[in-house]
Amino acid sequence: MTEDEKLKMLKTSWELHSLVETSYLNNPANKDDNEWLEKQRILLADMALHLLQTSINPEEIKLDRLRDNLHAILTIADQFLPLANLKKATEKLYASDK
């Protein structure tokens, strides 16, 4: 992928991010609401866009951002796939490399 293609994709991802984030913020659901999982799906899409942005940025990949993106995605996805123990998988993301 060329740098120009990456920049074009990043621009598009920010446009999508704006739409997704607006949808999330306009969703009045709270944790005790039946619509909570729908709001979480929107949040998952938002975090997936952040991962896309981190991944295709023409600059060197920022590992702290990558960890944060993965942590958010695994944490949110855990409620959809409870048997996969995704939240537990996040424990090693911030472990020292020593």
PDB file of N, CA and C in Angstrom:
ATOM      1  N   MET A   1       0.851  -1.169   0.000  1.00  0.00           N
ATOM      2  CA  MET A   1       0.000   0.000   0.000  1.00  0.00           C
ATOM      3  C   MET A   1       0.902   1.238   0.000  1.00  0.00           C
ATOM      4  N   THR A   2       0.596   2.165  -0.874  1.00  0.00           N
ATOM      5  CA  THR A   2       1.400   3.380  -0.945  1.00  0.00           C
ATOM      6  C   THR A   2       1.042   4.322   0.208  1.00  0.00           C
ATOM      7  N   GLU A   3       1.930   5.281   0.451  1.00  0.00           N
ATOM      8  CA  GLU A   3       1.661   6.260   1.511  1.00  0.00           C
ATOM      9  C   GLU A   3       0.409   7.074   1.171  1.00  0.00           C
ATOM     10  N   ASP A   4       0.225   7.386  -0.104  1.00  0.00           N
ATOM     11  CA  ASP A   4      -0.956   8.132  -0.539  1.00  0.00           C
ATOM     12  C   ASP A   4      -2.238   7.331  -0.258  1.00  0.00           C
ATOM     13  N   GLU A   5      -2.194   6.034  -0.526  1.00  0.00           N
ATOM     14  CA  GLU A   5      -3.356   5.176  -0.246  1.00  0.00           C
ATOM     15  C   GLU A   5      -3.641   5.115   1.251  1.00  0.00           C
ATOM     16  N   LYS A   6      -2.580   5.027   2.041  1.00  0.00           N
ATOM     17  CA  LYS A   6      -2.750   5.016   3.498  1.00  0.00           C
ATOM     18  C   LYS A   6      -3.392   6.309   3.984  1.00  0.00           C
ATOM     19  N   LEU A   7      -2.911   7.430   3.470  1.00  0.00           N
ATOM     20  CA  LEU A   7      -3.459   8.721   3.886  1.00  0.00           C
ATOM     21  C   LEU A   7      -4.919   8.862   3.475  1.00  0.00           C
ATOM     22  N   LYS A   8      -5.252   8.372   2.304  1.00  0.00           N
ATOM     23  CA  LYS A   8      -6.642   8.414   1.848  1.00  0.00           C
ATOM     24  C   LYS A   8      -7.525   7.551   2.746  1.00  0.00           C
ATOM     25  N   MET A   9      -7.027   6.378   3.109  1.00  0.00           N
ATOM     26  CA  MET A   9      -7.777   5.480   3.991  1.00  0.00           C
ATOM     27  C   MET A   9      -7.928   6.098   5.380  1.00  0.00           C
ATOM     28  N   LEU A  10      -6.875   6.735   5.866  1.00  0.00           N
ATOM     29  CA  LEU A  10      -6.956   7.408   7.166  1.00  0.00           C
ATOM     30  C   LEU A  10      -8.009   8.510   7.147  1.00  0.00           C
ATOM     31  N   LYS A  11      -8.037   9.282   6.080  1.00  0.00           N
ATOM     32  CA  LYS A  11      -9.035  10.351   5.966  1.00  0.00           C
ATOM     33  C   LYS A  11     -10.446   9.759   6.005  1.00  0.00           C
ATOM     34  N   THR A  12     -10.650   8.696   5.256  1.00  0.00           N
ATOM     35  CA  THR A  12     -11.963   8.044   5.241  1.00  0.00           C
ATOM     36  C   THR A  12     -12.306   7.483   6.615  1.00  0.00           C
ATOM     37  N   SER A  13     -11.305   6.919   7.292  1.00  0.00           N
ATOM     38  CA  SER A  13     -11.563   6.339   8.616  1.00  0.00           C
ATOM     39  C   SER A  13     -11.981   7.406   9.615  1.00  0.00           C
ATOM     40  N   TRP A  14     -11.438   8.620   9.507  1.00  0.00           N
ATOM     41  CA  TRP A  14     -11.837   9.693  10.417  1.00  0.00           C
ATOM     42  C   TRP A  14     -13.264  10.152  10.136  1.00  0.00           C
ATOM     43  N   GLU A  15     -13.659  10.108   8.871  1.00  0.00           N
ATOM     44  CA  GLU A  15     -15.043  10.442   8.527  1.00  0.00           C
ATOM     45  C   GLU A  15     -15.989   9.390   9.123  1.00  0.00           C
ATOM     46  N   LEU A  16     -15.631   8.121   8.964  1.00  0.00           N
ATOM     47  CA  LEU A  16     -16.429   7.039   9.559  1.00  0.00           C
ATOM     48  C   LEU A  16     -16.441   7.152  11.074  1.00  0.00           C
ATOM     49  N   HIS A  17     -15.285   7.449  11.646  1.00  0.00           N
ATOM     50  CA  HIS A  17     -15.181   7.582  13.100  1.00  0.00           C
ATOM     51  C   HIS A  17     -16.137   8.645  13.618  1.00  0.00           C
ATOM     52  N   SER A  18     -16.228   9.748  12.912  1.00  0.00           N
ATOM     53  CA  SER A  18     -17.130  10.820  13.320  1.00  0.00           C
ATOM     54  C   SER A  18     -18.578  10.341  13.335  1.00  0.00           C
ATOM     55  N   LEU A  19     -18.974   9.600  12.306  1.00  0.00           N
ATOM     56  CA  LEU A  19     -20.339   9.066  12.248  1.00  0.00           C
ATOM     57  C   LEU A  19     -20.604   8.059  13.368  1.00  0.00           C
ATOM     58  N   VAL A  20     -19.655   7.166  13.593  1.00  0.00           N
ATOM     59  CA  VAL A  20     -19.815   6.136  14.621  1.00  0.00           C
ATOM     60  C   VAL A  20     -19.846   6.765  16.004  1.00  0.00           C
ATOM     61  N   GLU A  21     -18.943   7.695  16.252  1.00  0.00           N
ATOM     62  CA  GLU A  21     -18.898   8.337  17.566  1.00  0.00           C
ATOM     63  C   GLU A  21     -20.166   9.140  17.844  1.00  0.00           C
ATOM     64  N   THR A  22     -20.678   9.820  16.846  1.00  0.00           N
ATOM     65  CA  THR A  22     -21.933  10.555  17.004  1.00  0.00           C
ATOM     66  C   THR A  22     -23.073   9.601  17.339  1.00  0.00           C
ATOM     67  N   SER A  23     -23.101   8.463  16.660  1.00  0.00           N
ATOM     68  CA  SER A  23     -24.130   7.457  16.936  1.00  0.00           C
ATOM     69  C   SER A  23     -24.018   6.958  18.370  1.00  0.00           C
ATOM     70  N   TYR A  24     -22.801   6.717  18.829  1.00  0.00           N
ATOM     71  CA  TYR A  24     -22.576   6.247  20.198  1.00  0.00           C
ATOM     72  C   TYR A  24     -23.053   7.303  21.201  1.00  0.00           C
ATOM     73  N   LEU A  25     -22.652   8.538  20.982  1.00  0.00           N
ATOM     74  CA  LEU A  25     -23.005   9.606  21.922  1.00  0.00           C
ATOM     75  C   LEU A  25     -24.506   9.896  21.934  1.00  0.00           C
ATOM     76  N   ASN A  26     -25.174   9.658  20.813  1.00  0.00           N
ATOM     77  CA  ASN A  26     -26.614   9.894  20.740  1.00  0.00           C
ATOM     78  C   ASN A  26     -27.438   8.712  21.247  1.00  0.00           C
ATOM     79  N   ASN A  27     -26.786   7.615  21.572  1.00  0.00           N
ATOM     80  CA  ASN A  27     -27.490   6.441  22.089  1.00  0.00           C
ATOM     81  C   ASN A  27     -27.652   6.611  23.603  1.00  0.00           C
ATOM     82  N   PRO A  28     -28.869   6.740  24.088  1.00  0.00           N
ATOM     83  CA  PRO A  28     -29.088   7.029  25.508  1.00  0.00           C
ATOM     84  C   PRO A  28     -28.976   5.813  26.433  1.00  0.00           C
ATOM     85  N   ALA A  29     -28.696   4.649  25.887  1.00  0.00           N
ATOM     86  CA  ALA A  29     -28.665   3.429  26.703  1.00  0.00           C
ATOM     87  C   ALA A  29     -27.634   3.542  27.819  1.00  0.00           C
ATOM     88  N   ASN A  30     -27.951   2.903  28.946  1.00  0.00           N
ATOM     89  CA  ASN A  30     -26.986   2.773  30.031  1.00  0.00           C
ATOM     90  C   ASN A  30     -26.895   1.304  30.405  1.00  0.00           C
ATOM     91  N   LYS A  31     -25.989   0.977  31.290  1.00  0.00           N
ATOM     92  CA  LYS A  31     -25.684  -0.430  31.582  1.00  0.00           C
ATOM     93  C   LYS A  31     -26.904  -1.242  32.032  1.00  0.00           C
ATOM     94  N   ASP A  32     -27.899  -0.609  32.606  1.00  0.00           N
ATOM     95  CA  ASP A  32     -29.096  -1.315  33.074  1.00  0.00           C
ATOM     96  C   ASP A  32     -30.190  -1.382  32.011  1.00  0.00           C
ATOM     97  N   ASP A  33     -29.888  -0.958  30.819  1.00  0.00           N
ATOM     98  CA  ASP A  33     -30.859  -0.848  29.738  1.00  0.00           C
ATOM     99  C   ASP A  33     -30.734  -2.029  28.777  1.00  0.00           C
ATOM    100  N   ASN A  34     -31.855  -2.420  28.166  1.00  0.00           N
ATOM    101  CA  ASN A  34     -31.840  -3.503  27.184  1.00  0.00           C
ATOM    102  C   ASN A  34     -31.050  -3.138  25.930  1.00  0.00           C
ATOM    103  N   GLU A  35     -30.869  -1.855  25.685  1.00  0.00           N
ATOM    104  CA  GLU A  35     -30.148  -1.394  24.498  1.00  0.00           C
ATOM    105  C   GLU A  35     -28.642  -1.283  24.721  1.00  0.00           C
ATOM    106  N   TRP A  36     -28.181  -1.670  25.906  1.00  0.00           N
ATOM    107  CA  TRP A  36     -26.763  -1.542  26.254  1.00  0.00           C
ATOM    108  C   TRP A  36     -25.853  -2.277  25.271  1.00  0.00           C
ATOM    109  N   LEU A  37     -26.220  -3.499  24.899  1.00  0.00           N
ATOM    110  CA  LEU A  37     -25.366  -4.266  23.982  1.00  0.00           C
ATOM    111  C   LEU A  37     -25.276  -3.601  22.610  1.00  0.00           C
ATOM    112  N   GLU A  38     -26.354  -2.967  22.183  1.00  0.00           N
ATOM    113  CA  GLU A  38     -26.299  -2.237  20.904  1.00  0.00           C
ATOM    114  C   GLU A  38     -25.309  -1.086  20.996  1.00  0.00           C
ATOM    115  N   LYS A  39     -25.332  -0.383  22.114  1.00  0.00           N
ATOM    116  CA  LYS A  39     -24.391   0.718  22.311  1.00  0.00           C
ATOM    117  C   LYS A  39     -22.959   0.183  22.360  1.00  0.00           C
ATOM    118  N   GLN A  40     -22.773  -0.980  22.948  1.00  0.00           N
ATOM    119  CA  GLN A  40     -21.449  -1.587  23.005  1.00  0.00           C
ATOM    120  C   GLN A  40     -20.956  -2.013  21.618  1.00  0.00           C
ATOM    121  N   ARG A  41     -21.865  -2.440  20.764  1.00  0.00           N
ATOM    122  CA  ARG A  41     -21.495  -2.776  19.381  1.00  0.00           C
ATOM    123  C   ARG A  41     -20.967  -1.538  18.657  1.00  0.00           C
ATOM    124  N   ILE A  42     -21.603  -0.401  18.888  1.00  0.00           N
ATOM    125  CA  ILE A  42     -21.154   0.847  18.279  1.00  0.00           C
ATOM    126  C   ILE A  42     -19.768   1.209  18.813  1.00  0.00           C
ATOM    127  N   LEU A  43     -19.578   1.040  20.115  1.00  0.00           N
ATOM    128  CA  LEU A  43     -18.283   1.323  20.726  1.00  0.00           C
ATOM    129  C   LEU A  43     -17.206   0.396  20.163  1.00  0.00           C
ATOM    130  N   LEU A  44     -17.538  -0.856  19.935  1.00  0.00           N
ATOM    131  CA  LEU A  44     -16.596  -1.805  19.355  1.00  0.00           C
ATOM    132  C   LEU A  44     -16.181  -1.346  17.947  1.00  0.00           C
ATOM    133  N   ALA A  45     -17.131  -0.876  17.170  1.00  0.00           N
ATOM    134  CA  ALA A  45     -16.819  -0.352  15.835  1.00  0.00           C
ATOM    135  C   ALA A  45     -15.892   0.856  15.937  1.00  0.00           C
ATOM    136  N   ASP A  46     -16.147   1.711  16.913  1.00  0.00           N
ATOM    137  CA  ASP A  46     -15.298   2.882  17.147  1.00  0.00           C
ATOM    138  C   ASP A  46     -13.864   2.451  17.451  1.00  0.00           C
ATOM    139  N   MET A  47     -13.716   1.479  18.319  1.00  0.00           N
ATOM    140  CA  MET A  47     -12.381   1.006  18.683  1.00  0.00           C
ATOM    141  C   MET A  47     -11.691   0.303  17.506  1.00  0.00           C
ATOM    142  N   ALA A  48     -12.470  -0.378  16.678  1.00  0.00           N
ATOM    143  CA  ALA A  48     -11.900  -1.026  15.495  1.00  0.00           C
ATOM    144  C   ALA A  48     -11.350   0.028  14.530  1.00  0.00           C
ATOM    145  N   LEU A  49     -12.032   1.153  14.416  1.00  0.00           N
ATOM    146  CA  LEU A  49     -11.522   2.230  13.574  1.00  0.00           C
ATOM    147  C   LEU A  49     -10.226   2.805  14.132  1.00  0.00           C
ATOM    148  N   HIS A  50     -10.151   2.922  15.452  1.00  0.00           N
ATOM    149  CA  HIS A  50      -8.896   3.384  16.063  1.00  0.00           C
ATOM    150  C   HIS A  50      -7.755   2.406  15.770  1.00  0.00           C
ATOM    151  N   LEU A  51      -8.050   1.114  15.810  1.00  0.00           N
ATOM    152  CA  LEU A  51      -7.030   0.118  15.484  1.00  0.00           C
ATOM    153  C   LEU A  51      -6.592   0.265  14.025  1.00  0.00           C
ATOM    154  N   LEU A  52      -7.529   0.466  13.146  1.00  0.00           N
ATOM    155  CA  LEU A  52      -7.207   0.702  11.730  1.00  0.00           C
ATOM    156  C   LEU A  52      -6.280   1.910  11.598  1.00  0.00           C
ATOM    157  N   GLN A  53      -6.618   2.989  12.277  1.00  0.00           N
ATOM    158  CA  GLN A  53      -5.813   4.208  12.199  1.00  0.00           C
ATOM    159  C   GLN A  53      -4.407   3.992  12.742  1.00  0.00           C
ATOM    160  N   THR A  54      -4.307   3.274  13.829  1.00  0.00           N
ATOM    161  CA  THR A  54      -2.988   2.967  14.397  1.00  0.00           C
ATOM    162  C   THR A  54      -2.184   2.101  13.443  1.00  0.00           C
ATOM    163  N   SER A  55      -2.845   1.138  12.820  1.00  0.00           N
ATOM    164  CA  SER A  55      -2.164   0.160  11.971  1.00  0.00           C
ATOM    165  C   SER A  55      -1.651   0.742  10.660  1.00  0.00           C
ATOM    166  N   ILE A  56      -2.427   1.604  10.037  1.00  0.00           N
ATOM    167  CA  ILE A  56      -2.025   2.063   8.702  1.00  0.00           C
ATOM    168  C   ILE A  56      -1.384   3.441   8.689  1.00  0.00           C
ATOM    169  N   ASN A  57      -1.215   4.052   9.829  1.00  0.00           N
ATOM    170  CA  ASN A  57      -0.539   5.339   9.887  1.00  0.00           C
ATOM    171  C   ASN A  57       0.830   5.197   9.219  1.00  0.00           C
ATOM    172  N   PRO A  58       1.166   6.106   8.287  1.00  0.00           N
ATOM    173  CA  PRO A  58       2.437   5.990   7.581  1.00  0.00           C
ATOM    174  C   PRO A  58       3.669   6.090   8.490  1.00  0.00           C
ATOM    175  N   GLU A  59       3.504   6.698   9.644  1.00  0.00           N
ATOM    176  CA  GLU A  59       4.624   6.788  10.592  1.00  0.00           C
ATOM    177  C   GLU A  59       4.879   5.419  11.215  1.00  0.00           C
ATOM    178  N   GLU A  60       5.952   5.312  11.972  1.00  0.00           N
ATOM    179  CA  GLU A  60       6.249   4.063  12.686  1.00  0.00           C
ATOM    180  C   GLU A  60       5.107   3.758  13.656  1.00  0.00           C
ATOM    181  N   ILE A  61       4.749   2.489  13.751  1.00  0.00           N
ATOM    182  CA  ILE A  61       3.624   2.108  14.612  1.00  0.00           C
ATOM    183  C   ILE A  61       3.939   2.446  16.071  1.00  0.00           C
ATOM    184  N   LYS A  62       2.977   3.024  16.735  1.00  0.00           N
ATOM    185  CA  LYS A  62       3.128   3.382  18.144  1.00  0.00           C
ATOM    186  C   LYS A  62       2.595   2.219  18.974  1.00  0.00           C
ATOM    187  N   LEU A  63       3.496   1.509  19.624  1.00  0.00           N
ATOM    188  CA  LEU A  63       3.124   0.299  20.343  1.00  0.00           C
ATOM    189  C   LEU A  63       2.189   0.569  21.515  1.00  0.00           C
ATOM    190  N   ASP A  64       2.330   1.729  22.158  1.00  0.00           N
ATOM    191  CA  ASP A  64       1.416   2.043  23.263  1.00  0.00           C
ATOM    192  C   ASP A  64      -0.013   2.215  22.750  1.00  0.00           C
ATOM    193  N   ARG A  65      -0.161   2.826  21.578  1.00  0.00           N
ATOM    194  CA  ARG A  65      -1.494   2.975  20.982  1.00  0.00           C
ATOM    195  C   ARG A  65      -2.046   1.616  20.568  1.00  0.00           C
ATOM    196  N   LEU A  66      -1.180   0.767  19.998  1.00  0.00           N
ATOM    197  CA  LEU A  66      -1.600  -0.572  19.599  1.00  0.00           C
ATOM    198  C   LEU A  66      -2.101  -1.349  20.808  1.00  0.00           C
ATOM    199  N   ARG A  67      -1.367  -1.297  21.917  1.00  0.00           N
ATOM    200  CA  ARG A  67      -1.802  -1.973  23.148  1.00  0.00           C
ATOM    201  C   ARG A  67      -3.144  -1.444  23.624  1.00  0.00           C
ATOM    202  N   ASP A  68      -3.284  -0.119  23.624  1.00  0.00           N
ATOM    203  CA  ASP A  68      -4.546   0.493  24.070  1.00  0.00           C
ATOM    204  C   ASP A  68      -5.712   0.069  23.176  1.00  0.00           C
ATOM    205  N   ASN A  69      -5.479   0.062  21.859  1.00  0.00           N
ATOM    206  CA  ASN A  69      -6.523  -0.357  20.918  1.00  0.00           C
ATOM    207  C   ASN A  69      -6.943  -1.795  21.178  1.00  0.00           C
ATOM    208  N   LEU A  70      -5.964  -2.682  21.309  1.00  0.00           N
ATOM    209  CA  LEU A  70      -6.268  -4.093  21.532  1.00  0.00           C
ATOM    210  C   LEU A  70      -6.967  -4.309  22.870  1.00  0.00           C
ATOM    211  N   HIS A  71      -6.516  -3.597  23.890  1.00  0.00           N
ATOM    212  CA  HIS A  71      -7.136  -3.712  25.205  1.00  0.00           C
ATOM    213  C   HIS A  71      -8.614  -3.342  25.134  1.00  0.00           C
ATOM    214  N   ALA A  72      -8.907  -2.222  24.488  1.00  0.00           N
ATOM    215  CA  ALA A  72     -10.299  -1.769  24.376  1.00  0.00           C
ATOM    216  C   ALA A  72     -11.145  -2.778  23.599  1.00  0.00           C
ATOM    217  N   ILE A  73     -10.631  -3.261  22.488  1.00  0.00           N
ATOM    218  CA  ILE A  73     -11.385  -4.209  21.663  1.00  0.00           C
ATOM    219  C   ILE A  73     -11.640  -5.508  22.427  1.00  0.00           C
ATOM    220  N   LEU A  74     -10.615  -6.048  23.074  1.00  0.00           N
ATOM    221  CA  LEU A  74     -10.795  -7.297  23.816  1.00  0.00           C
ATOM    222  C   LEU A  74     -11.753  -7.123  24.991  1.00  0.00           C
ATOM    223  N   THR A  75     -11.659  -5.990  25.670  1.00  0.00           N
ATOM    224  CA  THR A  75     -12.527  -5.730  26.815  1.00  0.00           C
ATOM    225  C   THR A  75     -13.988  -5.625  26.386  1.00  0.00           C
ATOM    226  N   ILE A  76     -14.245  -4.893  25.327  1.00  0.00           N
ATOM    227  CA  ILE A  76     -15.623  -4.737  24.851  1.00  0.00           C
ATOM    228  C   ILE A  76     -16.146  -6.054  24.283  1.00  0.00           C
ATOM    229  N   ALA A  77     -15.327  -6.745  23.496  1.00  0.00           N
ATOM    230  CA  ALA A  77     -15.748  -7.999  22.858  1.00  0.00           C
ATOM    231  C   ALA A  77     -15.989  -9.105  23.872  1.00  0.00           C
ATOM    232  N   ASP A  78     -15.404  -9.002  25.046  1.00  0.00           N
ATOM    233  CA  ASP A  78     -15.553 -10.026  26.087  1.00  0.00           C
ATOM    234  C   ASP A  78     -17.013 -10.288  26.439  1.00  0.00           C
ATOM    235  N   GLN A  79     -17.839  -9.240  26.433  1.00  0.00           N
ATOM    236  CA  GLN A  79     -19.253  -9.427  26.786  1.00  0.00           C
ATOM    237  C   GLN A  79     -20.033 -10.148  25.689  1.00  0.00           C
ATOM    238  N   PHE A  80     -19.510 -10.157  24.475  1.00  0.00           N
ATOM    239  CA  PHE A  80     -20.157 -10.870  23.373  1.00  0.00           C
ATOM    240  C   PHE A  80     -19.669 -12.320  23.266  1.00  0.00           C
ATOM    241  N   LEU A  81     -18.452 -12.560  23.734  1.00  0.00           N
ATOM    242  CA  LEU A  81     -17.853 -13.905  23.680  1.00  0.00           C
ATOM    243  C   LEU A  81     -17.333 -14.287  25.071  1.00  0.00           C
ATOM    244  N   PRO A  82     -18.226 -14.428  26.045  1.00  0.00           N
ATOM    245  CA  PRO A  82     -17.788 -14.635  27.428  1.00  0.00           C
ATOM    246  C   PRO A  82     -16.955 -15.903  27.643  1.00  0.00           C
ATOM    247  N   LEU A  83     -17.162 -16.924  26.855  1.00  0.00           N
ATOM    248  CA  LEU A  83     -16.395 -18.155  27.031  1.00  0.00           C
ATOM    249  C   LEU A  83     -14.959 -18.031  26.539  1.00  0.00           C
ATOM    250  N   ALA A  84     -14.665 -17.019  25.767  1.00  0.00           N
ATOM    251  CA  ALA A  84     -13.315 -16.836  25.221  1.00  0.00           C
ATOM    252  C   ALA A  84     -12.353 -16.190  26.221  1.00  0.00           C
ATOM    253  N   ASN A  85     -12.879 -15.660  27.327  1.00  0.00           N
ATOM    254  CA  ASN A  85     -12.041 -15.015  28.342  1.00  0.00           C
ATOM    255  C   ASN A  85     -11.149 -13.914  27.760  1.00  0.00           C
ATOM    256  N   LEU A  86     -11.723 -13.086  26.909  1.00  0.00           N
ATOM    257  CA  LEU A  86     -10.940 -12.046  26.252  1.00  0.00           C
ATOM    258  C   LEU A  86     -10.426 -10.996  27.235  1.00  0.00           C
ATOM    259  N   LYS A  87     -11.209 -10.667  28.239  1.00  0.00           N
ATOM    260  CA  LYS A  87     -10.770  -9.682  29.236  1.00  0.00           C
ATOM    261  C   LYS A  87      -9.504 -10.180  29.926  1.00  0.00           C
ATOM    262  N   LYS A  88      -9.453 -11.477  30.212  1.00  0.00           N
ATOM    263  CA  LYS A  88      -8.264 -12.054  30.848  1.00  0.00           C
ATOM    264  C   LYS A  88      -7.049 -11.947  29.927  1.00  0.00           C
ATOM    265  N   ALA A  89      -7.286 -12.049  28.628  1.00  0.00           N
ATOM    266  CA  ALA A  89      -6.184 -11.959  27.663  1.00  0.00           C
ATOM    267  C   ALA A  89      -5.519 -10.589  27.681  1.00  0.00           C
ATOM    268  N   THR A  90      -6.220  -9.585  28.180  1.00  0.00           N
ATOM    269  CA  THR A  90      -5.636  -8.236  28.204  1.00  0.00           C
ATOM    270  C   THR A  90      -4.565  -8.081  29.275  1.00  0.00           C
ATOM    271  N   GLU A  91      -4.531  -8.983  30.246  1.00  0.00           N
ATOM    272  CA  GLU A  91      -3.596  -8.842  31.365  1.00  0.00           C
ATOM    273  C   GLU A  91      -2.142  -8.768  30.924  1.00  0.00           C
ATOM    274  N   LYS A  92      -1.767  -9.474  29.890  1.00  0.00           N
ATOM    275  CA  LYS A  92      -0.380  -9.502  29.449  1.00  0.00           C
ATOM    276  C   LYS A  92      -0.030  -8.371  28.493  1.00  0.00           C
ATOM    277  N   LEU A  93      -1.012  -7.619  28.023  1.00  0.00           N
ATOM    278  CA  LEU A  93      -0.722  -6.537  27.090  1.00  0.00           C
ATOM    279  C   LEU A  93       0.208  -5.489  27.678  1.00  0.00           C
ATOM    280  N   TYR A  94       0.068  -5.234  28.963  1.00  0.00           N
ATOM    281  CA  TYR A  94       0.874  -4.199  29.599  1.00  0.00           C
ATOM    282  C   TYR A  94       1.983  -4.773  30.466  1.00  0.00           C
ATOM    283  N   ALA A  95       2.205  -6.083  30.350  1.00  0.00           N
ATOM    284  CA  ALA A  95       3.269  -6.724  31.117  1.00  0.00           C
ATOM    285  C   ALA A  95       4.623  -6.244  30.610  1.00  0.00           C
ATOM    286  N   SER A  96       5.552  -6.161  31.503  1.00  0.00           N
ATOM    287  CA  SER A  96       6.907  -5.749  31.134  1.00  0.00           C
ATOM    288  C   SER A  96       7.552  -6.813  30.256  1.00  0.00           C
ATOM    289  N   ASP A  97       8.386  -6.385  29.356  1.00  0.00           N
ATOM    290  CA  ASP A  97       9.092  -7.306  28.469  1.00  0.00           C
ATOM    291  C   ASP A  97      10.341  -7.903  29.115  1.00  0.00           C
ATOM    292  N   LYS A  98      10.541  -7.644  30.396  1.00  0.00           N
ATOM    293  CA  LYS A  98      11.743  -8.126  31.101  1.00  0.00           C
ATOM    294  C   LYS A  98      11.700  -9.608  31.322  1.00  0.00           C
TER     295      LYS A  98
END
